[in-house]
C-alpha atoms as a PDB file:
ATOM      1  CA  MET A   1    -178.244  23.410  90.579  1.00  0.00           C
ATOM      2  CA  GLY A   2    -181.209  24.507  88.463  1.00  0.00           C
ATOM      3  CA  GLN A   3    -183.501  27.247  89.450  1.00  0.00           C
ATOM      4  CA  ILE A   4    -187.038  28.290  88.600  1.00  0.00           C
ATOM      5  CA  MET A   5    -188.675  31.364  90.110  1.00  0.00           C
ATOM      6  CA  ARG A   6    -192.304  32.386  89.939  1.00  0.00           C
ATOM      7  CA  ILE A   7    -193.674  35.245  91.979  1.00  0.00           C
ATOM      8  CA  THR A   8    -197.422  35.742  92.038  1.00  0.00           C
ATOM      9  CA  ALA A   9    -199.623  38.424  93.514  1.00  0.00           C
ATOM     10  CA  PRO A  10    -201.251  37.703  96.886  1.00  0.00           C
ATOM     11  CA  ALA A  11    -204.663  37.313  95.247  1.00  0.00           C
ATOM     12  CA  MET A  12    -203.472  34.511  92.991  1.00  0.00           C
ATOM     13  CA  ALA A  13    -201.521  32.922  95.869  1.00  0.00           C
ATOM     14  CA  LEU A  14    -204.714  32.674  97.874  1.00  0.00           C
ATOM     15  CA  GLY A  15    -206.278  30.250  95.478  1.00  0.00           C
ATOM     16  CA  LEU A  16    -203.065  28.241  95.057  1.00  0.00           C
ATOM     17  CA  ALA A  17    -202.496  28.012  98.798  1.00  0.00           C
ATOM     18  CA  LEU A  18    -205.911  26.372  99.335  1.00  0.00           C
ATOM     19  CA  ALA A  19    -204.778  23.471  97.178  1.00  0.00           C
ATOM     20  CA  ALA A  20    -201.508  23.001  99.066  1.00  0.00           C
ATOM     21  CA  PRO A  21    -201.098  19.945 101.337  1.00  0.00           C
ATOM     22  CA  SER A  22    -202.025  20.386 104.994  1.00  0.00           C
ATOM     23  CA  PHE A  23    -199.352  20.462 107.666  1.00  0.00           C
ATOM     24  CA  ALA A  24    -201.641  21.001 110.618  1.00  0.00           C
ATOM     25  CA  GLN A  25    -202.206  18.093 113.020  1.00  0.00           C
ATOM     26  CA  ASP A  26    -205.937  18.599 113.104  1.00  0.00           C
ATOM     27  CA  GLY A  27    -206.228  18.188 109.301  1.00  0.00           C
ATOM     28  CA  ALA A  28    -207.226  21.821 108.729  1.00  0.00           C
ATOM     29  CA  PRO A  29    -205.854  23.466 105.576  1.00  0.00           C
ATOM     30  CA  PRO A  30    -202.911  25.825 106.045  1.00  0.00           C
ATOM     31  CA  PRO A  31    -203.705  29.507 106.299  1.00  0.00           C
ATOM     32  CA  PRO A  32    -203.886  31.294 102.978  1.00  0.00           C
ATOM     33  CA  LEU A  33    -200.872  33.198 101.763  1.00  0.00           C
ATOM     34  CA  ALA A  34    -200.966  36.759 102.859  1.00  0.00           C
ATOM     35  CA  GLY A  35    -197.768  37.681 101.037  1.00  0.00           C
ATOM     36  CA  THR A  36    -196.059  36.827  97.805  1.00  0.00           C
ATOM     37  CA  ARG A  37    -195.542  33.186  96.646  1.00  0.00           C
ATOM     38  CA  LEU A  38    -192.094  32.149  95.470  1.00  0.00           C
ATOM     39  CA  ASP A  39    -191.444  28.750  93.872  1.00  0.00           C
ATOM     40  CA  VAL A  40    -187.822  27.519  93.775  1.00  0.00           C
ATOM     41  CA  VAL A  41    -186.296  24.318  92.386  1.00  0.00           C
ATOM     42  CA  ALA A  42    -182.902  23.424  93.938  1.00  0.00           C
ATOM     43  CA  SER A  43    -180.714  20.350  94.127  1.00  0.00           C
ATOM     44  CA  GLY A  44    -178.217  18.974  96.601  1.00  0.00           C
ATOM     45  CA  GLU A  45    -175.296  16.680  95.786  1.00  0.00           C
ATOM     46  CA  VAL A  46    -172.975  14.390  97.780  1.00  0.00           C
ATOM     47  CA  SER A  47    -169.947  12.588  96.420  1.00  0.00           C
ATOM     48  CA  THR A  48    -168.761   9.209  97.690  1.00  0.00           C
ATOM     49  CA  VAL A  49    -166.678   6.146  96.786  1.00  0.00           C
ATOM     50  CA  PRO A  50    -168.607   3.126  95.640  1.00  0.00           C
ATOM     51  CA  ASP A  51    -168.380   0.231  98.043  1.00  0.00           C
ATOM     52  CA  ILE A  52    -170.100  -2.510  96.064  1.00  0.00           C
ATOM     53  CA  ALA A  53    -168.871  -4.199  92.829  1.00  0.00           C
ATOM     54  CA  THR A  54    -171.092  -6.701  90.996  1.00  0.00           C
ATOM     55  CA  VAL A  55    -169.649  -8.966  88.355  1.00  0.00           C
ATOM     56  CA  GLY A  56    -171.219 -11.554  86.047  1.00  0.00           C
ATOM     57  CA  ALA A  57    -169.271 -14.771  85.445  1.00  0.00           C
ATOM     58  CA  GLY A  58    -170.252 -17.267  82.835  1.00  0.00           C
ATOM     59  CA  VAL A  59    -169.223 -20.752  81.790  1.00  0.00           C
ATOM     60  CA  VAL A  60    -169.895 -21.959  78.205  1.00  0.00           C
ATOM     61  CA  THR A  61    -169.114 -25.487  77.196  1.00  0.00           C
ATOM     62  CA  GLN A  62    -169.681 -27.560  74.019  1.00  0.00           C
ATOM     63  CA  ALA A  63    -169.956 -31.293  73.406  1.00  0.00           C
ATOM     64  CA  ARG A  64    -171.455 -33.693  70.921  1.00  0.00           C
ATOM     65  CA  GLY A  65    -174.168 -34.856  73.326  1.00  0.00           C
ATOM     66  CA  ALA A  66    -176.482 -32.715  75.488  1.00  0.00           C
ATOM     67  CA  ALA A  67    -175.664 -34.648  78.690  1.00  0.00           C
ATOM     68  CA  ALA A  68    -171.975 -34.285  78.152  1.00  0.00           C
ATOM     69  CA  ALA A  69    -172.250 -30.542  77.542  1.00  0.00           C
ATOM     70  CA  MET A  70    -174.322 -30.100  80.716  1.00  0.00           C
ATOM     71  CA  ALA A  71    -172.018 -32.311  82.769  1.00  0.00           C
ATOM     72  CA  GLU A  72    -168.869 -30.433  81.725  1.00  0.00           C
ATOM     73  CA  ASN A  73    -170.647 -27.112  82.293  1.00  0.00           C
ATOM     74  CA  ALA A  74    -171.716 -28.165  85.799  1.00  0.00           C
ATOM     75  CA  GLN A  75    -168.213 -29.262  86.689  1.00  0.00           C
ATOM     76  CA  ARG A  76    -166.627 -25.996  85.564  1.00  0.00           C
ATOM     77  CA  THR A  77    -169.355 -23.923  87.134  1.00  0.00           C
ATOM     78  CA  ALA A  78    -168.881 -25.676  90.463  1.00  0.00           C
ATOM     79  CA  ALA A  79    -165.164 -24.961  90.287  1.00  0.00           C
ATOM     80  CA  THR A  80    -165.868 -21.345  89.553  1.00  0.00           C
ATOM     81  CA  VAL A  81    -168.289 -20.989  92.494  1.00  0.00           C
ATOM     82  CA  ALA A  82    -165.792 -22.765  94.758  1.00  0.00           C
ATOM     83  CA  ALA A  83    -163.133 -20.201  93.743  1.00  0.00           C
ATOM     84  CA  ILE A  84    -165.579 -17.403  94.606  1.00  0.00           C
ATOM     85  CA  ARG A  85    -166.254 -18.901  98.073  1.00  0.00           C
ATOM     86  CA  LYS A  86    -162.543 -19.500  98.665  1.00  0.00           C
ATOM     87  CA  ALA A  87    -161.931 -15.871  98.021  1.00  0.00           C
ATOM     88  CA  GLY A  88    -164.253 -15.004 100.932  1.00  0.00           C
ATOM     89  CA  VAL A  89    -167.423 -14.065  99.135  1.00  0.00           C
ATOM     90  CA  ALA A  90    -170.535 -14.936 101.268  1.00  0.00           C
ATOM     91  CA  ASP A  91    -173.239 -17.256  99.871  1.00  0.00           C
ATOM     92  CA  ARG A  92    -175.750 -14.390  99.968  1.00  0.00           C
ATOM     93  CA  ASP A  93    -173.573 -12.550  97.460  1.00  0.00           C
ATOM     94  CA  ILE A  94    -173.466 -15.372  94.922  1.00  0.00           C
ATOM     95  CA  GLN A  95    -176.551 -15.913  92.714  1.00  0.00           C
ATOM     96  CA  THR A  96    -177.152 -18.128  89.700  1.00  0.00           C
ATOM     97  CA  THR A  97    -178.826 -15.921  87.087  1.00  0.00           C
ATOM     98  CA  ALA A  98    -179.031 -18.280  84.049  1.00  0.00           C
ATOM     99  CA  VAL A  99    -178.676 -21.910  82.892  1.00  0.00           C
ATOM    100  CA  SER A 100    -179.264 -22.918  79.297  1.00  0.00           C
ATOM    101  CA  LEU A 101    -178.707 -25.702  76.723  1.00  0.00           C
ATOM    102  CA  SER A 102    -179.020 -25.210  72.983  1.00  0.00           C
ATOM    103  CA  PRO A 103    -178.300 -27.407  69.941  1.00  0.00           C
ATOM    104  CA  GLN A 104    -175.583 -26.474  67.504  1.00  0.00           C
ATOM    105  CA  TYR A 105    -176.463 -26.881  63.816  1.00  0.00           C
ATOM    106  CA  ARG A 106    -174.587 -27.510  60.610  1.00  0.00           C
ATOM    107  CA  TYR A 107    -176.097 -25.893  57.536  1.00  0.00           C
ATOM    108  CA  ALA A 108    -175.572 -27.060  53.956  1.00  0.00           C
ATOM    109  CA  ASP A 109    -177.131 -26.083  50.693  1.00  0.00           C
ATOM    110  CA  ASN A 110    -180.437 -27.807  49.977  1.00  0.00           C
ATOM    111  CA  GLN A 111    -180.115 -29.811  53.185  1.00  0.00           C
ATOM    112  CA  PRO A 112    -182.117 -29.494  56.413  1.00  0.00           C
ATOM    113  CA  PRO A 113    -180.090 -28.313  59.380  1.00  0.00           C
ATOM    114  CA  ALA A 114    -178.280 -31.101  61.168  1.00  0.00           C
ATOM    115  CA  ILE A 115    -177.519 -31.091  64.904  1.00  0.00           C
ATOM    116  CA  VAL A 116    -173.749 -31.565  65.384  1.00  0.00           C
ATOM    117  CA  GLY A 117    -173.496 -30.834  69.085  1.00  0.00           C
ATOM    118  CA  TYR A 118    -174.825 -28.895  72.070  1.00  0.00           C
ATOM    119  CA  GLN A 119    -173.769 -25.772  73.891  1.00  0.00           C
ATOM    120  CA  ALA A 120    -174.430 -25.471  77.628  1.00  0.00           C
ATOM    121  CA  SER A 121    -174.019 -22.199  79.493  1.00  0.00           C
ATOM    122  CA  SER A 122    -174.489 -20.989  83.052  1.00  0.00           C
ATOM    123  CA  ARG A 123    -174.101 -17.685  84.711  1.00  0.00           C
ATOM    124  CA  VAL A 124    -173.629 -16.379  88.249  1.00  0.00           C
ATOM    125  CA  SER A 125    -173.741 -12.880  89.622  1.00  0.00           C
ATOM    126  CA  VAL A 126    -171.115 -12.092  92.225  1.00  0.00           C
ATOM    127  CA  ARG A 127    -171.277  -9.096  94.619  1.00  0.00           C
ATOM    128  CA  PHE A 128    -168.078  -7.859  96.183  1.00  0.00           C
ATOM    129  CA  ARG A 129    -168.286  -5.786  99.373  1.00  0.00           C
ATOM    130  CA  ASP A 130    -164.597  -4.867  99.070  1.00  0.00           C
ATOM    131  CA  VAL A 131    -164.127  -3.345  95.625  1.00  0.00           C
ATOM    132  CA  ARG A 132    -160.345  -3.736  95.862  1.00  0.00           C
ATOM    133  CA  LYS A 133    -160.730  -7.553  95.844  1.00  0.00           C
ATOM    134  CA  ALA A 134    -162.820  -7.608  92.672  1.00  0.00           C
ATOM    135  CA  GLY A 135    -159.893  -7.543  90.266  1.00  0.00           C
ATOM    136  CA  PRO A 136    -157.926 -10.489  91.779  1.00  0.00           C
ATOM    137  CA  ILE A 137    -161.125 -12.490  92.117  1.00  0.00           C
ATOM    138  CA  LEU A 138    -161.918 -11.934  88.445  1.00  0.00           C
ATOM    139  CA  ASP A 139    -158.504 -13.499  87.609  1.00  0.00           C
ATOM    140  CA  SER A 140    -159.248 -16.454  89.876  1.00  0.00           C
ATOM    141  CA  LEU A 141    -162.625 -16.958  88.180  1.00  0.00           C
ATOM    142  CA  VAL A 142    -160.939 -17.275  84.776  1.00  0.00           C
ATOM    143  CA  ALA A 143    -158.411 -19.686  86.182  1.00  0.00           C
ATOM    144  CA  ALA A 144    -161.213 -21.821  87.698  1.00  0.00           C
ATOM    145  CA  GLY A 145    -163.057 -22.180  84.380  1.00  0.00           C
ATOM    146  CA  ALA A 146    -165.182 -19.060  83.726  1.00  0.00           C
ATOM    147  CA  ASN A 147    -164.838 -18.015  80.070  1.00  0.00           C
ATOM    148  CA  GLN A 148    -167.231 -15.101  80.011  1.00  0.00           C
ATOM    149  CA  ILE A 149    -166.895 -12.109  82.347  1.00  0.00           C
ATOM    150  CA  ASP A 150    -168.790  -8.833  82.329  1.00  0.00           C
ATOM    151  CA  GLY A 151    -168.804  -5.905  84.680  1.00  0.00           C
ATOM    152  CA  PRO A 152    -168.122  -4.757  87.240  1.00  0.00           C
ATOM    153  CA  SER A 153    -171.106  -2.639  88.088  1.00  0.00           C
ATOM    154  CA  LEU A 154    -170.160  -0.232  90.878  1.00  0.00           C
ATOM    155  CA  SER A 155    -172.755   0.895  93.329  1.00  0.00           C
ATOM    156  CA  ILE A 156    -173.295   2.080  96.932  1.00  0.00           C
ATOM    157  CA  ASP A 157    -174.548  -0.388  99.483  1.00  0.00           C
ATOM    158  CA  ARG A 158    -176.447   2.067 101.682  1.00  0.00           C
ATOM    159  CA  PRO A 159    -177.302   5.221  99.741  1.00  0.00           C
ATOM    160  CA  GLU A 160    -180.064   6.473 102.009  1.00  0.00           C
ATOM    161  CA  PRO A 161    -177.967   8.349 104.581  1.00  0.00           C
ATOM    162  CA  LEU A 162    -176.155  10.005 101.696  1.00  0.00           C
ATOM    163  CA  LEU A 163    -179.465  10.891 100.050  1.00  0.00           C
ATOM    164  CA  ASP A 164    -180.514  12.519 103.330  1.00  0.00           C
ATOM    165  CA  GLN A 165    -177.338  14.663 103.258  1.00  0.00           C
ATOM    166  CA  ALA A 166    -178.169  15.658  99.701  1.00  0.00           C
ATOM    167  CA  ARG A 167    -181.733  16.550 100.783  1.00  0.00           C
ATOM    168  CA  GLU A 168    -180.468  18.815 103.568  1.00  0.00           C
ATOM    169  CA  LYS A 169    -178.172  20.504 101.020  1.00  0.00           C
ATOM    170  CA  ALA A 170    -181.046  20.970  98.629  1.00  0.00           C
ATOM    171  CA  VAL A 171    -183.253  22.634 101.297  1.00  0.00           C
ATOM    172  CA  ALA A 172    -180.360  24.900 102.348  1.00  0.00           C
ATOM    173  CA  ALA A 173    -179.783  25.899  98.690  1.00  0.00           C
ATOM    174  CA  ALA A 174    -183.491  26.590  98.183  1.00  0.00           C
ATOM    175  CA  ARG A 175    -183.625  28.737 101.283  1.00  0.00           C
ATOM    176  CA  ALA A 176    -180.504  30.677 100.318  1.00  0.00           C
ATOM    177  CA  ARG A 177    -181.989  31.340  96.892  1.00  0.00           C
ATOM    178  CA  ALA A 178    -185.255  32.440  98.401  1.00  0.00           C
ATOM    179  CA  VAL A 179    -183.437  34.928 100.629  1.00  0.00           C
ATOM    180  CA  LEU A 180    -181.610  36.260  97.568  1.00  0.00           C
ATOM    181  CA  TYR A 181    -184.850  36.724  95.611  1.00  0.00           C
ATOM    182  CA  ALA A 182    -186.604  38.287  98.588  1.00  0.00           C
ATOM    183  CA  ARG A 183    -183.827  40.745  99.137  1.00  0.00           C
ATOM    184  CA  ALA A 184    -183.808  41.698  95.444  1.00  0.00           C
ATOM    185  CA  ALA A 185    -187.575  42.312  95.611  1.00  0.00           C
ATOM    186  CA  GLY A 186    -187.400  44.311  98.820  1.00  0.00           C
ATOM    187  CA  LEU A 187    -189.114  41.481 100.837  1.00  0.00           C
ATOM    188  CA  GLN A 188    -188.285  38.955 103.488  1.00  0.00           C
ATOM    189  CA  VAL A 189    -188.812  35.148 103.674  1.00  0.00           C
ATOM    190  CA  LYS A 190    -191.673  34.428 106.074  1.00  0.00           C
ATOM    191  CA  ARG A 191    -191.983  30.618 105.862  1.00  0.00           C
ATOM    192  CA  ILE A 192    -191.835  27.457 103.739  1.00  0.00           C
ATOM    193  CA  VAL A 193    -195.258  26.619 102.463  1.00  0.00           C
ATOM    194  CA  ALA A 194    -194.530  23.262 100.781  1.00  0.00           C
ATOM    195  CA  ILE A 195    -191.669  20.928  99.801  1.00  0.00           C
ATOM    196  CA  SER A 196    -191.834  18.369  97.021  1.00  0.00           C
ATOM    197  CA  GLU A 197    -189.045  15.954  96.164  1.00  0.00           C
ATOM    198  CA  GLY A 198    -188.740  15.748  92.380  1.00  0.00           C
ATOM    199  CA  SER A 199    -185.993  13.246  91.863  1.00  0.00           C
ATOM    200  CA  SER A 200    -183.161  11.463  93.629  1.00  0.00           C
ATOM    201  CA  GLU A 201    -180.283   9.580  92.018  1.00  0.00           C
ATOM    202  CA  ALA A 202    -177.708   7.161  93.342  1.00  0.00           C
ATOM    203  CA  PRO A 203    -176.086   6.008  90.057  1.00  0.00           C
ATOM    204  CA  ILE A 204    -174.642   2.662  89.137  1.00  0.00           C
ATOM    205  CA  VAL A 205    -171.548   2.648  87.019  1.00  0.00           C
ATOM    206  CA  ARG A 206    -171.702  -0.087  84.376  1.00  0.00           C
ATOM    207  CA  PRO A 207    -168.537  -0.508  82.306  1.00  0.00           C
ATOM    208  CA  MET A 208    -168.642  -2.257  78.952  1.00  0.00           C
ATOM    209  CA  PRO A 209    -168.776  -6.113  79.113  1.00  0.00           C
ATOM    210  CA  MET A 210    -165.521  -7.881  78.541  1.00  0.00           C
ATOM    211  CA  MET A 211    -164.690 -11.412  77.529  1.00  0.00           C
ATOM    212  CA  ALA A 212    -162.327 -13.472  79.678  1.00  0.00           C
ATOM    213  CA  MET A 213    -158.805 -14.119  78.476  1.00  0.00           C
ATOM    214  CA  ALA A 214    -157.781 -17.685  77.604  1.00  0.00           C
ATOM    215  CA  ARG A 215    -156.702 -19.525  80.657  1.00  0.00           C
ATOM    216  CA  ALA A 216    -153.532 -20.750  79.014  1.00  0.00           C
ATOM    217  CA  GLU A 217    -152.005 -17.338  78.974  1.00  0.00           C
ATOM    218  CA  LYS A 218    -151.080 -15.451  82.143  1.00  0.00           C
ATOM    219  CA  SER A 219    -152.250 -11.835  81.663  1.00  0.00           C
ATOM    220  CA  ALA A 220    -151.630  -8.778  83.808  1.00  0.00           C
ATOM    221  CA  ASP A 221    -153.544  -8.658  87.066  1.00  0.00           C
ATOM    222  CA  THR A 222    -156.986  -7.081  86.657  1.00  0.00           C
ATOM    223  CA  MET A 223    -157.357  -3.732  88.456  1.00  0.00           C
ATOM    224  CA  ILE A 224    -160.680  -2.212  89.477  1.00  0.00           C
ATOM    225  CA  GLU A 225    -160.633   1.446  90.330  1.00  0.00           C
ATOM    226  CA  ALA A 226    -163.712   2.538  92.307  1.00  0.00           C
ATOM    227  CA  GLY A 227    -163.441   6.229  91.513  1.00  0.00           C
ATOM    228  CA  GLU A 228    -166.221   8.452  92.862  1.00  0.00           C
ATOM    229  CA  GLN A 229    -169.980   8.683  92.378  1.00  0.00           C
ATOM    230  CA  LYS A 230    -172.338  11.562  92.923  1.00  0.00           C
ATOM    231  CA  ILE A 231    -175.734  11.228  94.653  1.00  0.00           C
ATOM    232  CA  SER A 232    -178.186  14.068  94.016  1.00  0.00           C
ATOM    233  CA  VAL A 233    -181.636  15.126  95.126  1.00  0.00           C
ATOM    234  CA  SER A 234    -183.877  17.796  93.468  1.00  0.00           C
ATOM    235  CA  LEU A 235    -186.600  19.587  95.461  1.00  0.00           C
ATOM    236  CA  ALA A 236    -189.334  22.036  94.616  1.00  0.00           C
ATOM    237  CA  VAL A 237    -189.841  24.438  97.528  1.00  0.00           C
ATOM    238  CA  THR A 238    -192.580  27.021  97.917  1.00  0.00           C
ATOM    239  CA  PHE A 239    -191.879  30.062 100.142  1.00  0.00           C
ATOM    240  CA  GLU A 240    -194.062  32.921 101.379  1.00  0.00           C
ATOM    241  CA  LEU A 241    -192.415  36.399 101.108  1.00  0.00           C
ATOM    242  CA  MET A 242    -193.575  39.423 103.066  1.00  0.00           C
END
């Protein structure tokens, strides 16, 4: 938790208070500060286990003709998506993010580039609502034909209730700090004049991309450890001390 304190004399606080936002129902400005102004910056933090894992799965195929490359790619992509659905992933959590076709060239000295084939690629984004299932499904994607895998990105499905908890902690921390400063100055906390939310953060963990293993070799089962993430909120709170 960071902290910033600024105490100003009542005369200066009067001018600053007139610029403060109004909290009265009739739209009238709040009464001017009669005491000492104290500005505090405090933060609140909540830890939780991520409950969403997002993985990118790609299929890359090559053939001499463009149509053949696209046809093989479509077949393997369909098998990959079928494996995802079979694992229990809902359609709303499967999204095609890219489809491309590009020529492959052969280069020789003093010769123009010559097309020798085509590469087709497609990519889907898969969201898992049970992080524990992400690892086994990754293995099934490779078995079904995916040859590029990246992720997972771990996140929180509904961060807002946790952000509210962090906000409550931030306000409590700001009030406790105001009481400490007031006591040290021989004053008391009269009221909160203003609250401003500076920043809030619900991070997404993004591991380094990884390439899929060759299907011909049986590798160890992929394990995804969810770990823990921290959600934080920072507030600037203005108090009046008497």
